[in-house]
Structures are given as C-alpha cells and as structure tokens.
Amino acid sequence: MDPKYWTQYLELDVEGEGRFRRIRSTREAMECLESWPRMDSDEFFEAYRLCRATLEAGYPRAEAREAFVRAATKAGMAIRMRKYVKRNLTRKARTPHSTSTH
C-alpha cells in the first residue's frame, strides 16, 4: 500500500449535490484541492501546504488528512468518515446437496 494512503478514508460532497467523492490518500486530497470551490481560506492554504509537504517531503499523512478535513469543513462540504474493513477472502468449502431418488 502506498505510504500516502490514509488509514481511514473519507467521502466528500464536493459539489453539494449529495454525490460523494471518495478520498483515500494525500494524493487524492491534493487532486481535490486543485479544483476546490473556494481557495481563499486559511484552512485551504494549510491543507494544500501540508498535502504537498506529505507528497514531496514525507510529512506525516495523518496531519495532512486532518488539515484537509478542516478545509472541507470550512468550505461547508458534507463529509462522511469511513474505515477500511478487512474482508475474509477465504471461502467455506461447499458440500454438494444430496439428492435422493425414489
């Protein structure tokens, strides 16, 4: 897994229409910030700075994520926090159904 991926992703309603965009990494957050609806808040500039520092200089991704959430909150965007769920990929052995003929 890319070290820039977050341990918890989020879904963000960027356009305010109830269509959420999944943001899983600092790289995806940076792409989202590049088309941000309001680029005039201190929170936006801090999120941009920290995401860039994470991508270019190894700054802690958790701090970049927190700054991104603050910027989204300031911009009035709806946010849904999500956790990755481990799935059991092993299948149980299936037993054939017994059929009886009379």
C-alpha atoms as a PDB file:
ATOM      1  CA  MET A   1       0.000   0.000   0.000  1.00  0.00           C
ATOM      2  CA  ASP A   2       1.225   3.466  -0.876  1.00  0.00           C
ATOM      3  CA  PRO A   3       2.522   5.160   2.295  1.00  0.00           C
ATOM      4  CA  LYS A   4       0.491   8.231   1.374  1.00  0.00           C
ATOM      5  CA  TYR A   5      -2.786   6.276   1.738  1.00  0.00           C
ATOM      6  CA  TRP A   6      -4.776   7.127   4.829  1.00  0.00           C
ATOM      7  CA  THR A   7      -5.737   4.545   7.428  1.00  0.00           C
ATOM      8  CA  GLN A   8      -9.283   5.944   7.283  1.00  0.00           C
ATOM      9  CA  TYR A   9     -10.682   7.345   4.086  1.00  0.00           C
ATOM     10  CA  LEU A  10     -13.450   9.889   3.758  1.00  0.00           C
ATOM     11  CA  GLU A  11     -16.199  10.742   1.347  1.00  0.00           C
ATOM     12  CA  LEU A  12     -16.707  14.360   0.434  1.00  0.00           C
ATOM     13  CA  ASP A  13     -19.668  16.057  -1.215  1.00  0.00           C
ATOM     14  CA  VAL A  14     -17.628  18.482  -3.294  1.00  0.00           C
ATOM     15  CA  GLU A  15     -20.458  19.884  -5.405  1.00  0.00           C
ATOM     16  CA  GLY A  16     -23.133  19.934  -2.701  1.00  0.00           C
ATOM     17  CA  GLU A  17     -25.441  17.678  -4.677  1.00  0.00           C
ATOM     18  CA  GLY A  18     -25.244  14.583  -2.485  1.00  0.00           C
ATOM     19  CA  ARG A  19     -22.750  12.856  -4.795  1.00  0.00           C
ATOM     20  CA  PHE A  20     -19.813  11.942  -2.623  1.00  0.00           C
ATOM     21  CA  ARG A  21     -16.250  11.600  -3.850  1.00  0.00           C
ATOM     22  CA  ARG A  22     -14.052   9.065  -2.067  1.00  0.00           C
ATOM     23  CA  ILE A  23     -10.709  10.469  -0.866  1.00  0.00           C
ATOM     24  CA  ARG A  24      -8.323   7.689   0.203  1.00  0.00           C
ATOM     25  CA  SER A  25      -4.915   9.307   0.103  1.00  0.00           C
ATOM     26  CA  THR A  26      -2.958  12.506   0.309  1.00  0.00           C
ATOM     27  CA  ARG A  27      -2.533  12.375  -3.471  1.00  0.00           C
ATOM     28  CA  GLU A  28      -6.312  12.218  -3.982  1.00  0.00           C
ATOM     29  CA  ALA A  29      -6.783  15.043  -1.465  1.00  0.00           C
ATOM     30  CA  MET A  30      -4.293  17.167  -3.398  1.00  0.00           C
ATOM     31  CA  GLU A  31      -6.158  16.483  -6.663  1.00  0.00           C
ATOM     32  CA  CYS A  32      -9.383  17.534  -4.957  1.00  0.00           C
ATOM     33  CA  LEU A  33      -7.788  20.715  -3.587  1.00  0.00           C
ATOM     34  CA  GLU A  34      -6.685  21.681  -7.085  1.00  0.00           C
ATOM     35  CA  SER A  35     -10.348  22.025  -8.090  1.00  0.00           C
ATOM     36  CA  TRP A  36     -11.566  23.379  -4.740  1.00  0.00           C
ATOM     37  CA  PRO A  37     -14.646  25.646  -4.918  1.00  0.00           C
ATOM     38  CA  ARG A  38     -13.217  28.268  -2.508  1.00  0.00           C
ATOM     39  CA  MET A  39      -9.474  28.777  -2.443  1.00  0.00           C
ATOM     40  CA  ASP A  40      -9.434  31.771  -0.138  1.00  0.00           C
ATOM     41  CA  SER A  41      -9.448  30.403   3.402  1.00  0.00           C
ATOM     42  CA  ASP A  42      -6.532  29.842   5.760  1.00  0.00           C
ATOM     43  CA  GLU A  43      -7.720  26.236   6.131  1.00  0.00           C
ATOM     44  CA  PHE A  44      -7.462  25.684   2.386  1.00  0.00           C
ATOM     45  CA  PHE A  45      -3.920  27.052   2.237  1.00  0.00           C
ATOM     46  CA  GLU A  46      -2.860  24.965   5.242  1.00  0.00           C
ATOM     47  CA  ALA A  47      -4.342  21.786   3.739  1.00  0.00           C
ATOM     48  CA  TYR A  48      -2.648  22.487   0.411  1.00  0.00           C
ATOM     49  CA  ARG A  49       0.694  23.152   2.118  1.00  0.00           C
ATOM     50  CA  LEU A  50       0.546  20.022   4.296  1.00  0.00           C
ATOM     51  CA  CYS A  51      -0.614  17.722   1.491  1.00  0.00           C
ATOM     52  CA  ARG A  52       2.179  18.973  -0.710  1.00  0.00           C
ATOM     53  CA  ALA A  53       4.714  18.526   2.119  1.00  0.00           C
ATOM     54  CA  THR A  54       3.482  14.961   2.611  1.00  0.00           C
ATOM     55  CA  LEU A  55       3.841  14.112  -1.063  1.00  0.00           C
ATOM     56  CA  GLU A  56       7.178  15.806  -1.567  1.00  0.00           C
ATOM     57  CA  ALA A  57       8.965  15.567   1.764  1.00  0.00           C
ATOM     58  CA  GLY A  58       7.366  12.741   3.727  1.00  0.00           C
ATOM     59  CA  TYR A  59       5.403  14.931   6.145  1.00  0.00           C
ATOM     60  CA  PRO A  60       3.003  12.855   8.310  1.00  0.00           C
ATOM     61  CA  ARG A  61      -0.046  11.874   6.273  1.00  0.00           C
ATOM     62  CA  ALA A  62      -2.350  11.993   9.314  1.00  0.00           C
ATOM     63  CA  GLU A  63      -1.685  15.712   9.732  1.00  0.00           C
ATOM     64  CA  ALA A  64      -2.348  16.326   6.043  1.00  0.00           C
ATOM     65  CA  ARG A  65      -5.636  14.428   6.360  1.00  0.00           C
ATOM     66  CA  GLU A  66      -6.685  16.449   9.413  1.00  0.00           C
ATOM     67  CA  ALA A  67      -5.901  19.715   7.599  1.00  0.00           C
ATOM     68  CA  PHE A  68      -7.900  18.522   4.590  1.00  0.00           C
ATOM     69  CA  VAL A  69     -10.914  17.763   6.815  1.00  0.00           C
ATOM     70  CA  ARG A  70     -10.670  21.235   8.401  1.00  0.00           C
ATOM     71  CA  ALA A  71     -10.572  22.850   4.946  1.00  0.00           C
ATOM     72  CA  ALA A  72     -13.605  20.851   3.781  1.00  0.00           C
ATOM     73  CA  THR A  73     -15.495  21.756   6.948  1.00  0.00           C
ATOM     74  CA  LYS A  74     -14.649  25.436   6.489  1.00  0.00           C
ATOM     75  CA  ALA A  75     -15.882  25.246   2.877  1.00  0.00           C
ATOM     76  CA  GLY A  76     -19.199  23.815   4.142  1.00  0.00           C
ATOM     77  CA  MET A  77     -18.823  20.442   2.448  1.00  0.00           C
ATOM     78  CA  ALA A  78     -20.561  17.371   3.801  1.00  0.00           C
ATOM     79  CA  ILE A  79     -18.034  14.757   4.962  1.00  0.00           C
ATOM     80  CA  ARG A  80     -18.508  11.082   5.769  1.00  0.00           C
ATOM     81  CA  MET A  81     -15.665   9.409   7.657  1.00  0.00           C
ATOM     82  CA  ARG A  82     -15.034   5.794   6.695  1.00  0.00           C
ATOM     83  CA  LYS A  83     -12.870   2.929   7.879  1.00  0.00           C
ATOM     84  CA  TYR A  84     -11.412   0.179   5.800  1.00  0.00           C
ATOM     85  CA  VAL A  85     -12.972  -3.176   6.550  1.00  0.00           C
ATOM     86  CA  LYS A  86     -10.931  -6.330   6.333  1.00  0.00           C
ATOM     87  CA  ARG A  87     -12.786  -8.959   4.408  1.00  0.00           C
ATOM     88  CA  ASN A  88     -12.317 -12.645   4.841  1.00  0.00           C
ATOM     89  CA  LEU A  89     -11.454 -13.785   1.356  1.00  0.00           C
ATOM     90  CA  THR A  90     -11.372 -17.481   2.115  1.00  0.00           C
ATOM     91  CA  ARG A  91     -14.433 -19.393   1.061  1.00  0.00           C
ATOM     92  CA  LYS A  92     -16.007 -22.121   3.035  1.00  0.00           C
ATOM     93  CA  ALA A  93     -15.950 -25.459   1.349  1.00  0.00           C
ATOM     94  CA  ARG A  94     -19.301 -26.165  -0.166  1.00  0.00           C
ATOM     95  CA  THR A  95     -20.823 -29.558   0.223  1.00  0.00           C
ATOM     96  CA  PRO A  96     -22.980 -30.802  -2.602  1.00  0.00           C
ATOM     97  CA  HIS A  97     -26.612 -31.123  -1.811  1.00  0.00           C
ATOM     98  CA  SER A  98     -27.639 -34.719  -1.520  1.00  0.00           C
ATOM     99  CA  THR A  99     -30.465 -35.705  -3.722  1.00  0.00           C
ATOM    100  CA  SER A 100     -32.482 -38.797  -3.283  1.00  0.00           C
ATOM    101  CA  THR A 101     -34.352 -40.588  -5.959  1.00  0.00           C
ATOM    102  CA  HIS A 102     -37.224 -42.875  -5.170  1.00  0.00           C
END
